[in-house]
C-alpha atoms as a PDB file:
ATOM      1  CA  MET A   1     120.779 135.572 122.815  1.00  0.00           C
ATOM      2  CA  SER A   2     122.960 138.604 121.606  1.00  0.00           C
ATOM      3  CA  GLU A   3     121.578 142.226 121.212  1.00  0.00           C
ATOM      4  CA  TYR A   4     122.072 143.574 117.508  1.00  0.00           C
ATOM      5  CA  ARG A   5     123.063 146.541 118.034  1.00  0.00           C
ATOM      6  CA  PRO A   6     122.746 149.492 115.333  1.00  0.00           C
ATOM      7  CA  PRO A   7     126.768 150.629 113.475  1.00  0.00           C
ATOM      8  CA  ARG A   8     125.614 153.890 115.537  1.00  0.00           C
ATOM      9  CA  ARG A   9     126.025 152.457 118.426  1.00  0.00           C
ATOM     10  CA  LEU A  10     129.884 151.695 117.628  1.00  0.00           C
ATOM     11  CA  ALA A  11     130.399 155.053 116.718  1.00  0.00           C
ATOM     12  CA  LEU A  12     128.512 156.802 119.812  1.00  0.00           C
ATOM     13  CA  ILE A  13     131.315 154.550 121.369  1.00  0.00           C
ATOM     14  CA  VAL A  14     133.934 155.602 119.561  1.00  0.00           C
ATOM     15  CA  LEU A  15     132.730 159.170 119.888  1.00  0.00           C
ATOM     16  CA  VAL A  16     132.860 159.235 123.916  1.00  0.00           C
ATOM     17  CA  LEU A  17     135.870 157.390 124.191  1.00  0.00           C
ATOM     18  CA  VAL A  18     137.759 160.133 122.508  1.00  0.00           C
ATOM     19  CA  ALA A  19     136.066 162.640 123.973  1.00  0.00           C
ATOM     20  CA  ALA A  20     136.587 161.695 127.539  1.00  0.00           C
ATOM     21  CA  ALA A  21     140.518 161.189 126.098  1.00  0.00           C
ATOM     22  CA  VAL A  22     141.023 164.551 125.143  1.00  0.00           C
ATOM     23  CA  CYS A  23     139.066 165.679 128.189  1.00  0.00           C
ATOM     24  CA  LEU A  24     141.677 163.560 130.265  1.00  0.00           C
ATOM     25  CA  GLY A  25     144.732 164.741 128.283  1.00  0.00           C
ATOM     26  CA  LEU A  26     143.371 168.196 128.099  1.00  0.00           C
ATOM     27  CA  GLY A  27     143.669 168.172 132.026  1.00  0.00           C
ATOM     28  CA  TYR A  28     147.214 166.829 131.866  1.00  0.00           C
ATOM     29  CA  TRP A  29     147.899 169.591 129.712  1.00  0.00           C
ATOM     30  CA  GLN A  30     146.668 171.853 132.582  1.00  0.00           C
ATOM     31  CA  TRP A  31     148.187 169.993 135.178  1.00  0.00           C
ATOM     32  CA  THR A  32     151.503 170.649 134.101  1.00  0.00           C
ATOM     33  CA  ALA A  33     151.192 174.157 133.043  1.00  0.00           C
ATOM     34  CA  PHE A  34     150.353 174.615 137.048  1.00  0.00           C
ATOM     35  CA  GLU A  35     153.400 172.875 138.342  1.00  0.00           C
ATOM     36  CA  GLN A  36     155.425 175.036 135.934  1.00  0.00           C
ATOM     37  CA  VAL A  37     156.807 178.126 137.114  1.00  0.00           C
ATOM     38  CA  GLY A  38     154.035 180.324 135.868  1.00  0.00           C
ATOM     39  CA  GLY A  39     151.589 177.838 136.359  1.00  0.00           C
ATOM     40  CA  THR A  40     148.285 179.876 137.992  1.00  0.00           C
ATOM     41  CA  TYR A  41     145.906 178.876 139.674  1.00  0.00           C
ATOM     42  CA  GLN A  42     143.707 179.268 136.494  1.00  0.00           C
ATOM     43  CA  ASN A  43     145.419 176.276 135.404  1.00  0.00           C
ATOM     44  CA  LEU A  44     144.746 174.495 138.359  1.00  0.00           C
ATOM     45  CA  GLY A  45     141.107 174.896 138.134  1.00  0.00           C
ATOM     46  CA  TYR A  46     141.122 173.972 134.439  1.00  0.00           C
ATOM     47  CA  ALA A  47     142.887 170.820 135.534  1.00  0.00           C
ATOM     48  CA  LEU A  48     140.481 169.908 138.070  1.00  0.00           C
ATOM     49  CA  GLN A  49     137.686 170.886 135.332  1.00  0.00           C
ATOM     50  CA  TRP A  50     138.709 168.766 132.181  1.00  0.00           C
ATOM     51  CA  PRO A  51     137.913 165.285 134.123  1.00  0.00           C
ATOM     52  CA  ALA A  52     134.827 166.710 135.268  1.00  0.00           C
ATOM     53  CA  PHE A  53     133.851 167.514 131.155  1.00  0.00           C
ATOM     54  CA  ALA A  54     135.088 163.748 130.552  1.00  0.00           C
ATOM     55  CA  PHE A  55     132.835 161.946 133.944  1.00  0.00           C
ATOM     56  CA  PHE A  56     130.224 163.961 131.916  1.00  0.00           C
ATOM     57  CA  CYS A  57     130.591 162.435 128.308  1.00  0.00           C
ATOM     58  CA  VAL A  58     130.353 158.966 130.001  1.00  0.00           C
ATOM     59  CA  TYR A  59     127.268 159.959 132.134  1.00  0.00           C
ATOM     60  CA  ALA A  60     125.652 161.231 129.083  1.00  0.00           C
ATOM     61  CA  TYR A  61     126.145 158.324 127.162  1.00  0.00           C
ATOM     62  CA  ARG A  62     125.303 156.267 129.471  1.00  0.00           C
ATOM     63  CA  ARG A  63     121.840 158.322 130.376  1.00  0.00           C
ATOM     64  CA  PHE A  64     121.375 157.760 126.504  1.00  0.00           C
ATOM     65  CA  VAL A  65     121.305 153.985 126.405  1.00  0.00           C
ATOM     66  CA  ARG A  66     118.757 153.974 129.318  1.00  0.00           C
ATOM     67  CA  LEU A  67     116.447 156.260 127.845  1.00  0.00           C
ATOM     68  CA  GLU A  68     116.653 154.497 124.571  1.00  0.00           C
ATOM     69  CA  ALA A  69     116.043 150.739 126.062  1.00  0.00           C
ATOM     70  CA  GLU A  70     113.571 152.132 128.460  1.00  0.00           C
ATOM     71  CA  GLU A  71     111.638 153.115 125.140  1.00  0.00           C
ATOM     72  CA  LYS A  72     112.021 150.363 123.456  1.00  0.00           C
ATOM     73  CA  GLU A  73     110.261 148.305 126.136  1.00  0.00           C
ATOM     74  CA  ALA A  74     107.524 150.390 126.258  1.00  0.00           C
ATOM     75  CA  GLU A  75     107.584 150.030 122.744  1.00  0.00           C
ATOM     76  CA  SER A  76     107.937 145.883 123.386  1.00  0.00           C
ATOM     77  CA  THR A  77     105.284 145.980 125.942  1.00  0.00           C
ATOM     78  CA  GLY A  78     102.702 148.288 124.564  1.00  0.00           C
ATOM     79  CA  GLY A  79     102.869 150.246 127.682  1.00  0.00           C
ATOM     80  CA  ARG A  80     104.064 153.824 128.741  1.00  0.00           C
ATOM     81  CA  ARG A  81     107.232 154.791 129.903  1.00  0.00           C
ATOM     82  CA  PRO A  82     107.845 155.011 133.533  1.00  0.00           C
ATOM     83  CA  SER A  83     109.646 159.046 132.703  1.00  0.00           C
ATOM     84  CA  ASP A  84     106.612 160.251 131.378  1.00  0.00           C
ATOM     85  CA  SER A  85     104.298 161.865 133.842  1.00  0.00           C
ATOM     86  CA  ASP A  86     100.419 161.809 134.187  1.00  0.00           C
ATOM     87  CA  GLU A  87      99.410 165.461 133.725  1.00  0.00           C
ATOM     88  CA  PRO A  88      99.978 167.547 130.549  1.00  0.00           C
ATOM     89  CA  SER A  89     103.322 169.901 131.136  1.00  0.00           C
ATOM     90  CA  GLU A  90     102.653 173.586 130.347  1.00  0.00           C
ATOM     91  CA  ILE A  91     104.253 176.916 130.886  1.00  0.00           C
ATOM     92  CA  PRO A  92     103.321 178.314 134.028  1.00  0.00           C
ATOM     93  CA  GLU A  93     101.371 181.815 133.597  1.00  0.00           C
ATOM     94  CA  ASP A  94     103.846 184.328 135.397  1.00  0.00           C
ATOM     95  CA  LEU A  95     106.451 182.417 133.914  1.00  0.00           C
ATOM     96  CA  LEU A  96     107.182 184.096 131.333  1.00  0.00           C
ATOM     97  CA  PRO A  97     107.287 188.522 130.530  1.00  0.00           C
ATOM     98  CA  THR A  98     104.041 189.479 129.692  1.00  0.00           C
ATOM     99  CA  ARG A  99     103.636 190.418 125.853  1.00  0.00           C
ATOM    100  CA  PRO A 100     103.115 194.451 125.495  1.00  0.00           C
ATOM    101  CA  ARG A 101      99.939 195.973 124.956  1.00  0.00           C
ATOM    102  CA  THR A 102      99.304 197.442 121.609  1.00  0.00           C
ATOM    103  CA  LEU A 103      98.161 200.898 122.015  1.00  0.00           C
ATOM    104  CA  ALA A 104      94.067 200.209 120.935  1.00  0.00           C
ATOM    105  CA  GLU A 105      94.431 197.240 124.121  1.00  0.00           C
ATOM    106  CA  ALA A 106      95.956 199.546 126.277  1.00  0.00           C
ATOM    107  CA  ARG A 107      92.857 202.157 125.119  1.00  0.00           C
ATOM    108  CA  ALA A 108      90.422 199.580 125.652  1.00  0.00           C
ATOM    109  CA  GLU A 109      91.465 198.189 128.764  1.00  0.00           C
ATOM    110  CA  GLU A 110      91.407 201.907 130.423  1.00  0.00           C
ATOM    111  CA  ASP A 111      87.727 202.923 128.837  1.00  0.00           C
ATOM    112  CA  SER A 112      86.371 199.992 131.367  1.00  0.00           C
ATOM    113  CA  ASP A 113      88.608 200.952 134.501  1.00  0.00           C
ATOM    114  CA  PRO A 114      87.198 203.863 136.315  1.00  0.00           C
ATOM    115  CA  ASP A 115      90.702 204.115 138.389  1.00  0.00           C
ATOM    116  CA  ALA A 116      93.019 204.160 135.236  1.00  0.00           C
ATOM    117  CA  ARG A 117      90.631 206.841 133.768  1.00  0.00           C
ATOM    118  CA  GLN A 118      90.741 208.629 136.761  1.00  0.00           C
ATOM    119  CA  ILE A 119      95.080 208.257 136.726  1.00  0.00           C
ATOM    120  CA  ASN A 120      94.484 209.345 133.087  1.00  0.00           C
ATOM    121  CA  GLU A 121      92.097 212.645 133.599  1.00  0.00           C
ATOM    122  CA  TYR A 122      94.802 213.729 136.541  1.00  0.00           C
ATOM    123  CA  ASN A 123      98.147 212.742 134.358  1.00  0.00           C
ATOM    124  CA  GLU A 124      96.466 215.429 131.757  1.00  0.00           C
ATOM    125  CA  TYR A 125      95.548 218.181 134.272  1.00  0.00           C
ATOM    126  CA  LEU A 126      99.000 217.748 135.492  1.00  0.00           C
ATOM    127  CA  ALA A 127     100.235 218.334 131.897  1.00  0.00           C
ATOM    128  CA  GLN A 128      97.900 221.178 131.682  1.00  0.00           C
ATOM    129  CA  LEU A 129      99.621 222.831 134.412  1.00  0.00           C
ATOM    130  CA  ALA A 130     103.243 221.860 133.601  1.00  0.00           C
ATOM    131  CA  ARG A 131     102.537 223.674 129.905  1.00  0.00           C
ATOM    132  CA  ARG A 132     100.887 226.716 131.145  1.00  0.00           C
ATOM    133  CA  SER A 133     103.805 227.168 133.188  1.00  0.00           C
ATOM    134  CA  ASP A 134     105.905 226.852 130.529  1.00  0.00           C
ATOM    135  CA  ARG A 135     104.064 229.513 129.060  1.00  0.00           C
ATOM    136  CA  SER A 136     104.160 232.293 131.914  1.00  0.00           C
ATOM    137  CA  ALA A 137     107.793 231.754 132.416  1.00  0.00           C
ATOM    138  CA  GLN A 138     108.825 232.923 129.255  1.00  0.00           C
END
């Protein structure tokens, strides 16, 4: 039985092969630059890095094909994909920075919190003392 592959599959294969060939060619170019008299270790690093990019192109395509096959199998059997988790995924509360409070929210929170009210009164007292000392210094 031959499995029908859409035309985009052939285009993706060609794209992956071309991308991998270009990455390998750039790796070879950097290797020859490293072997020349003016070659540096930066060229050597790039010469080792480009084949890793070529490997990633092939790996990403294979992973795409596997996920696509997994999705088709789940659709045909009516089941769920094995990669789906049972629990909903949410962003933890402490992951993102807190939203800046508005002035009204800050005042409402201060009014309900006696410690915050006491700190604000103390800060206002210190500000008054600073203003008095500025006047007396003149």
